[in-house]
Amino acid sequence: MENSIPKWLLEDNDKRSGAYSRDLNDEHFLREMNQRLRKDNNSVSSDDSKPIIFFFGVPRCGKTFFSQMLVHLLDLGYPDNIVARFWQSPEYGIRLSSILKKAVGGQITFDSDYGKTKGVFDPHDFAYFWHELLKKESHPYDFKAAKDQIDWYNVGRTLGRFSGSFGKACLMKGVNPSYHINEIAESYNKSFFIYIKRDFIDSAVSLYRGRLKNYNDVEHWYGQTPDPELYHELKKQPYFLQIAGQFKYLTEMYEAQLKQMDPKRYMTINYKDFCQNPAFVIDSLKTRLSNDFDEVINDKNSLESTQIKYSSHELSDSFYSELLQGLEHYGLPPRIE
């Protein structure tokens, strides 16, 4: 069946613990609904496209909270928890979300559980949309092989229709797009990328806990994977070397791509700096979009505080020292200078 759940996703679901597993009945329903709504001809033209901001970084670097802050403060289109259920036909989800926001308001909850937001109108990673668009057909994702299979013209056209449905600049989590930064930049010339960096030790502690929460197994891989060959080598190592290696190879992948990109198409932020002075980062982003894309982003809400609590882990637990050992093994500094 076209709407069947991919084998790799079912295998992952079998290993997830408790509330972190998917309801397969819901999955089948949503896939059937999307298949029925899918159309060859979309009502929105890609000619109406607007800039799309993609943000990315290693697992547990603060991406989710960053996105919640931006869509709370700025008037941006984005896939929320309603739009995400219409990954094959986003225009329906976008319209439904808009109608419901008019009826009940569209408040952001700032609540999430390891990247999964809780509020109906909170941002979603839109993973199924990206899995189909970027040909993710296995875990780990063989992104190098997928490059030649992806219809890049369709990628650009689909992103144009997505932003055109909102009629304003959009924000999208770039976990999946981060494998193909340069190709997306070429396919969609209104794309802008934000690379988020966080102290490696803080991301590592959070990722360690995420492994336990999601799989009840610290040795089970959690989060974005590097090249499959590197992934399979890392899987042979103890958890603290897996996590450090995951960060090292993903960081190398991101930065190698950004070196090839026009500096006008991306910005790098330190998550700690964002928390200490969010207004500066937001104003910088608005200026970049205005100067380089001739796009004005309007404010939606005002900042209630000039600083946000920044989570910095200082622990004496054995796993903390092991994580430090792993970072040292791969030559990664625990904290960004």
Protein backbone atom coordinates (compact mmCIF):
# COMPACT_ATOMS: atom_id res chain seq x y z
CA MET A 1 0.00 0.00 0.00
CA GLU A 2 1.21 3.53 -0.80
CA ASN A 3 0.23 4.75 2.63
CA SER A 4 1.98 1.94 4.50
CA ILE A 5 4.46 2.86 7.25
CA PRO A 6 8.12 2.50 6.21
CA LYS A 7 9.86 -0.57 7.59
CA TRP A 8 12.69 1.43 9.17
CA LEU A 9 10.19 3.59 11.05
CA LEU A 10 8.31 0.54 12.34
CA GLU A 11 11.59 -0.97 13.54
CA ASP A 12 12.42 2.22 15.37
CA ASN A 13 8.96 2.34 16.91
CA ASP A 14 9.33 -1.20 18.28
CA LYS A 15 12.31 -0.04 20.33
CA ARG A 16 10.73 3.12 21.74
CA SER A 17 9.52 3.11 25.32
CA GLY A 18 6.07 4.01 26.66
CA ALA A 19 4.73 7.40 25.62
CA TYR A 20 7.56 7.84 23.11
CA SER A 21 6.19 5.16 20.78
CA ARG A 22 3.82 6.02 17.94
CA ASP A 23 0.18 4.93 17.82
CA LEU A 24 0.18 2.86 14.63
CA ASN A 25 -3.58 3.20 14.16
CA ASP A 26 -3.16 6.96 14.10
CA GLU A 27 -0.23 6.59 11.71
CA HIS A 28 -2.28 4.56 9.23
CA PHE A 29 -5.18 7.02 9.46
CA LEU A 30 -2.96 10.03 8.77
CA ARG A 31 -1.22 8.34 5.86
CA GLU A 32 -4.55 7.39 4.27
CA MET A 33 -5.86 10.92 4.77
CA ASN A 34 -2.78 12.43 3.13
CA GLN A 35 -3.02 10.07 0.20
CA ARG A 36 -6.65 11.04 -0.37
CA LEU A 37 -5.92 14.77 -0.19
CA ARG A 38 -2.85 14.69 -2.34
CA LYS A 39 -3.29 16.38 -5.71
CA ASP A 40 -1.19 16.53 -8.84
CA ASN A 41 -2.04 20.19 -9.31
CA ASN A 42 -1.71 22.47 -6.31
CA SER A 43 -3.80 25.58 -5.93
CA VAL A 44 -0.85 27.71 -4.77
CA SER A 45 1.75 28.73 -7.32
CA SER A 46 5.44 28.62 -6.51
CA ASP A 47 5.59 32.09 -8.10
CA ASP A 48 4.12 33.40 -4.82
CA SER A 49 7.10 32.12 -2.86
CA LYS A 50 8.66 33.83 0.14
CA PRO A 51 11.97 33.34 1.99
CA ILE A 52 12.31 30.21 4.12
CA ILE A 53 14.64 30.19 7.12
CA PHE A 54 16.11 26.76 7.89
CA PHE A 55 17.77 26.28 11.27
CA PHE A 56 19.92 23.31 12.23
CA GLY A 57 22.64 22.05 14.59
CA VAL A 58 23.71 18.90 16.43
CA PRO A 59 21.06 17.06 18.47
CA ARG A 60 19.96 18.80 21.67
CA CYS A 61 21.50 22.16 20.75
CA GLY A 62 18.35 24.16 21.56
CA LYS A 63 16.65 24.10 18.15
CA THR A 64 13.13 23.53 19.45
CA PHE A 65 13.15 26.36 21.99
CA PHE A 66 14.81 28.63 19.43
CA SER A 67 11.96 27.98 17.00
CA GLN A 68 9.31 28.53 19.68
CA MET A 69 10.84 31.89 20.52
CA LEU A 70 11.01 33.00 16.89
CA VAL A 71 7.45 32.10 15.97
CA HIS A 72 6.19 33.69 19.19
CA LEU A 73 8.02 36.95 18.59
CA LEU A 74 7.91 37.22 14.79
CA ASP A 75 5.15 36.97 12.19
CA LEU A 76 6.44 33.87 10.40
CA GLY A 77 4.79 30.96 8.66
CA TYR A 78 5.83 27.56 9.99
CA PRO A 79 4.66 23.93 10.19
CA ASP A 80 2.86 23.55 13.51
CA ASN A 81 1.36 20.37 14.98
CA ILE A 82 -1.68 20.71 12.71
CA VAL A 83 0.20 21.42 9.48
CA ALA A 84 2.53 18.48 10.22
CA ARG A 85 -0.38 16.03 9.89
CA PHE A 86 -0.82 17.12 6.26
CA TRP A 87 2.72 16.50 5.04
CA GLN A 88 1.62 15.48 1.53
CA SER A 89 -0.84 18.34 1.22
CA PRO A 90 0.44 21.18 3.45
CA GLU A 91 -1.94 23.77 2.00
CA TYR A 92 -4.85 22.02 3.75
CA GLY A 93 -3.04 21.99 7.09
CA ILE A 94 -1.98 25.61 6.71
CA ARG A 95 -5.54 26.72 6.00
CA LEU A 96 -7.00 24.63 8.84
CA SER A 97 -4.40 25.92 11.29
CA SER A 98 -5.20 29.50 10.26
CA ILE A 99 -8.93 28.97 10.79
CA LEU A 100 -8.39 27.47 14.23
CA LYS A 101 -6.02 30.24 15.27
CA LYS A 102 -8.74 32.77 14.50
CA ALA A 103 -11.17 30.79 16.64
CA VAL A 104 -9.05 29.95 19.69
CA GLY A 105 -5.88 32.00 19.36
CA GLY A 106 -2.47 30.68 18.43
CA GLN A 107 -0.44 30.80 21.59
CA ILE A 108 2.94 29.07 21.82
CA THR A 109 3.29 26.91 24.93
CA PHE A 110 7.11 26.81 25.17
CA ASP A 111 6.61 23.23 26.32
CA SER A 112 8.42 20.34 24.66
CA ASP A 113 9.73 16.87 25.39
CA TYR A 114 12.96 16.05 23.57
CA GLY A 115 12.07 18.01 20.46
CA LYS A 116 8.38 17.10 20.49
CA THR A 117 6.32 20.20 21.17
CA LYS A 118 3.10 19.97 23.19
CA GLY A 119 0.98 22.86 21.94
CA VAL A 120 -1.28 22.53 18.91
CA PHE A 121 0.26 25.65 17.35
CA ASP A 122 3.83 25.00 18.44
CA PRO A 123 6.41 24.35 15.68
CA HIS A 124 6.94 20.80 14.41
CA ASP A 125 9.98 19.33 12.65
CA PHE A 126 7.80 18.27 9.68
CA ALA A 127 9.83 15.06 9.38
CA TYR A 128 7.47 13.08 7.11
CA PHE A 129 7.36 15.97 4.65
CA TRP A 130 11.16 15.90 4.43
CA HIS A 131 11.41 12.10 4.37
CA GLU A 132 9.39 12.03 1.16
CA LEU A 133 10.88 15.12 -0.45
CA LEU A 134 14.49 14.10 0.27
CA LYS A 135 14.05 10.35 -0.30
CA LYS A 136 14.78 9.12 3.22
CA GLU A 137 14.00 5.43 2.83
CA SER A 138 16.19 3.87 5.50
CA HIS A 139 17.84 4.43 8.85
CA PRO A 140 20.53 5.63 8.83
CA TYR A 141 19.77 7.98 5.96
CA ASP A 142 22.02 7.32 2.97
CA PHE A 143 21.99 10.96 1.97
CA LYS A 144 24.87 10.69 -0.49
CA ALA A 145 23.03 8.07 -2.54
CA ALA A 146 19.78 10.01 -2.23
CA LYS A 147 21.24 13.16 -3.83
CA ASP A 148 21.02 11.63 -7.30
CA GLN A 149 17.48 10.35 -6.67
CA ILE A 150 15.99 13.61 -5.42
CA ASP A 151 14.03 15.73 -7.87
CA TRP A 152 15.63 19.07 -7.00
CA TYR A 153 13.34 21.02 -9.30
CA ASN A 154 10.40 19.56 -7.36
CA VAL A 155 12.09 20.49 -4.07
CA GLY A 156 12.28 24.13 -5.11
CA ARG A 157 8.74 24.14 -6.46
CA THR A 158 7.34 22.46 -3.32
CA LEU A 159 9.10 24.90 -0.99
CA GLY A 160 7.81 27.79 -3.10
CA ARG A 161 4.24 26.54 -2.78
CA PHE A 162 4.69 25.98 0.96
CA SER A 163 5.85 29.55 1.63
CA GLY A 164 3.35 30.90 -0.89
CA SER A 165 0.51 29.31 1.09
CA PHE A 166 1.49 31.51 4.04
CA GLY A 167 2.25 34.59 1.98
CA LYS A 168 5.11 35.55 4.29
CA ALA A 169 8.58 34.42 5.30
CA CYS A 170 8.65 30.97 6.89
CA LEU A 171 10.68 29.08 9.48
CA MET A 172 11.46 25.36 9.20
CA LYS A 173 13.58 23.03 11.31
CA GLY A 174 16.46 21.96 9.11
CA VAL A 175 17.49 18.56 10.51
CA ASN A 176 16.76 16.77 7.25
CA PRO A 177 17.65 19.71 4.99
CA SER A 178 21.06 19.98 6.71
CA TYR A 179 22.23 16.99 4.66
CA HIS A 180 21.66 18.97 1.46
CA ILE A 181 22.30 22.62 2.33
CA ASN A 182 23.93 23.60 -0.93
CA GLU A 183 21.46 21.72 -3.12
CA ILE A 184 18.49 23.31 -1.35
CA ALA A 185 20.10 26.74 -1.58
CA GLU A 186 20.49 26.24 -5.34
CA SER A 187 17.02 24.75 -5.81
CA TYR A 188 15.28 27.40 -3.75
CA ASN A 189 16.98 30.76 -4.06
CA LYS A 190 14.96 32.27 -1.23
CA SER A 191 16.39 29.91 1.37
CA PHE A 192 18.39 31.17 4.35
CA PHE A 193 20.17 28.97 6.91
CA ILE A 194 20.87 29.41 10.62
CA TYR A 195 23.54 27.20 12.17
CA ILE A 196 23.00 26.89 15.94
CA LYS A 197 25.95 25.99 18.13
CA ARG A 198 25.72 24.99 21.78
CA ASP A 199 28.36 23.88 24.27
CA PHE A 200 29.05 20.27 23.33
CA ILE A 201 28.95 19.01 26.91
CA ASP A 202 25.46 20.46 27.48
CA SER A 203 24.18 18.90 24.25
CA ALA A 204 25.86 15.61 25.20
CA VAL A 205 24.25 15.47 28.65
CA SER A 206 20.84 16.18 27.14
CA LEU A 207 21.36 13.57 24.43
CA TYR A 208 22.39 10.97 27.03
CA ARG A 209 19.14 11.59 28.89
CA GLY A 210 17.20 11.51 25.63
CA ARG A 211 18.50 8.03 24.87
CA LEU A 212 17.22 6.81 28.23
CA LYS A 213 13.88 8.59 27.91
CA ASN A 214 13.09 7.46 24.38
CA TYR A 215 14.56 3.95 24.39
CA ASN A 216 15.38 3.14 28.02
CA ASP A 217 18.83 2.20 26.71
CA VAL A 218 21.82 4.51 26.79
CA GLU A 219 23.50 2.48 24.05
CA HIS A 220 20.64 3.00 21.60
CA TRP A 221 21.29 5.66 18.97
CA TYR A 222 19.17 8.78 19.23
CA GLY A 223 19.05 11.75 16.89
CA GLN A 224 20.50 12.65 13.53
CA THR A 225 22.94 10.22 11.92
CA PRO A 226 26.11 10.98 9.97
CA ASP A 227 27.16 9.05 6.85
CA PRO A 228 25.95 5.40 7.19
CA GLU A 229 29.51 4.04 7.13
CA LEU A 230 30.50 6.31 10.02
CA TYR A 231 27.26 5.50 11.85
CA HIS A 232 27.89 1.75 11.75
CA GLU A 233 31.44 2.25 13.01
CA LEU A 234 30.26 4.47 15.86
CA LYS A 235 27.59 1.94 16.84
CA LYS A 236 30.38 -0.47 17.80
CA GLN A 237 31.67 2.01 20.39
CA PRO A 238 30.42 2.70 23.95
CA TYR A 239 27.72 5.34 24.24
CA PHE A 240 29.99 8.26 25.18
CA LEU A 241 32.13 7.73 22.08
CA GLN A 242 28.98 7.35 19.96
CA ILE A 243 27.65 10.71 21.14
CA ALA A 244 30.95 12.55 20.71
CA GLY A 245 31.50 10.98 17.29
CA GLN A 246 27.95 11.90 16.31
CA PHE A 247 28.70 15.54 17.14
CA LYS A 248 32.08 15.53 15.40
CA TYR A 249 30.92 14.08 12.10
CA LEU A 250 27.70 16.09 11.94
CA THR A 251 29.63 19.28 12.69
CA GLU A 252 32.12 18.47 9.95
CA MET A 253 29.26 17.81 7.52
CA TYR A 254 27.52 21.11 8.32
CA GLU A 255 30.65 23.23 8.15
CA ALA A 256 32.00 21.66 4.96
CA GLN A 257 28.77 22.64 3.21
CA LEU A 258 28.68 26.15 4.64
CA LYS A 259 32.21 26.79 3.38
CA GLN A 260 30.86 26.42 -0.15
CA MET A 261 27.96 28.80 0.43
CA ASP A 262 27.58 32.51 -0.15
CA PRO A 263 27.91 34.11 3.34
CA LYS A 264 24.78 36.11 2.60
CA ARG A 265 22.77 32.89 2.69
CA TYR A 266 23.49 31.88 6.29
CA MET A 267 24.34 33.00 9.81
CA THR A 268 25.85 31.18 12.79
CA ILE A 269 24.63 31.77 16.33
CA ASN A 270 25.76 30.59 19.73
CA TYR A 271 22.74 29.29 21.66
CA LYS A 272 24.10 30.79 24.87
CA ASP A 273 24.41 34.20 23.18
CA PHE A 274 20.84 33.87 21.95
CA CYS A 275 19.60 33.19 25.48
CA GLN A 276 21.58 36.09 26.93
CA ASN A 277 20.50 38.57 24.25
CA PRO A 278 17.66 37.23 22.07
CA ALA A 279 16.76 40.70 20.80
CA PHE A 280 20.18 41.12 19.18
CA VAL A 281 19.92 37.80 17.32
CA ILE A 282 16.36 38.47 16.20
CA ASP A 283 17.17 41.99 15.01
CA SER A 284 20.19 40.62 13.12
CA LEU A 285 17.98 38.05 11.40
CA LYS A 286 15.39 40.66 10.43
CA THR A 287 18.13 42.88 9.02
CA ARG A 288 19.61 40.03 6.98
CA LEU A 289 16.26 39.10 5.47
CA SER A 290 15.51 42.74 4.69
CA ASN A 291 18.90 43.45 3.09
CA ASP A 292 19.43 40.20 1.20
CA PHE A 293 15.86 39.14 0.30
CA ASP A 294 13.99 42.46 0.45
CA GLU A 295 11.63 40.82 2.94
CA VAL A 296 10.27 42.69 5.96
CA ILE A 297 9.48 40.47 8.95
CA ASN A 298 7.01 42.06 11.34
CA ASP A 299 7.02 41.66 15.10
CA LYS A 300 4.17 39.64 16.62
CA ASN A 301 4.88 39.82 20.35
CA SER A 302 7.38 41.69 22.48
CA LEU A 303 10.11 40.19 24.62
CA GLU A 304 9.06 39.90 28.26
CA SER A 305 12.67 39.61 29.40
CA THR A 306 15.98 40.63 27.92
CA GLN A 307 17.51 37.29 28.99
CA ILE A 308 16.40 33.66 28.92
CA LYS A 309 17.56 31.00 31.35
CA TYR A 310 20.41 29.10 29.77
CA SER A 311 20.76 25.46 30.79
CA SER A 312 24.38 24.63 31.59
CA HIS A 313 25.05 21.19 33.06
CA GLU A 314 27.60 20.88 35.86
CA LEU A 315 27.31 17.32 37.12
CA SER A 316 29.38 14.91 39.15
CA ASP A 317 27.63 11.81 37.80
CA SER A 318 29.85 9.18 36.22
CA PHE A 319 28.25 9.67 32.82
CA TYR A 320 29.31 13.34 32.83
CA SER A 321 32.98 12.46 33.10
CA GLU A 322 32.53 9.75 30.47
CA LEU A 323 30.95 12.25 28.10
CA LEU A 324 33.90 14.60 28.67
CA GLN A 325 36.19 11.69 27.87
CA GLY A 326 34.35 11.08 24.61
CA LEU A 327 34.58 14.74 23.59
CA GLU A 328 38.29 14.77 24.35
CA HIS A 329 38.77 11.61 22.28
CA TYR A 330 37.31 13.38 19.23
CA GLY A 331 39.03 16.69 19.92
CA LEU A 332 35.83 18.59 20.68
CA PRO A 333 35.90 21.39 23.26
CA PRO A 334 33.30 20.89 26.02
CA ARG A 335 32.42 24.57 25.87
CA ILE A 336 32.50 27.11 23.07
CA GLU A 337 34.98 29.88 23.79
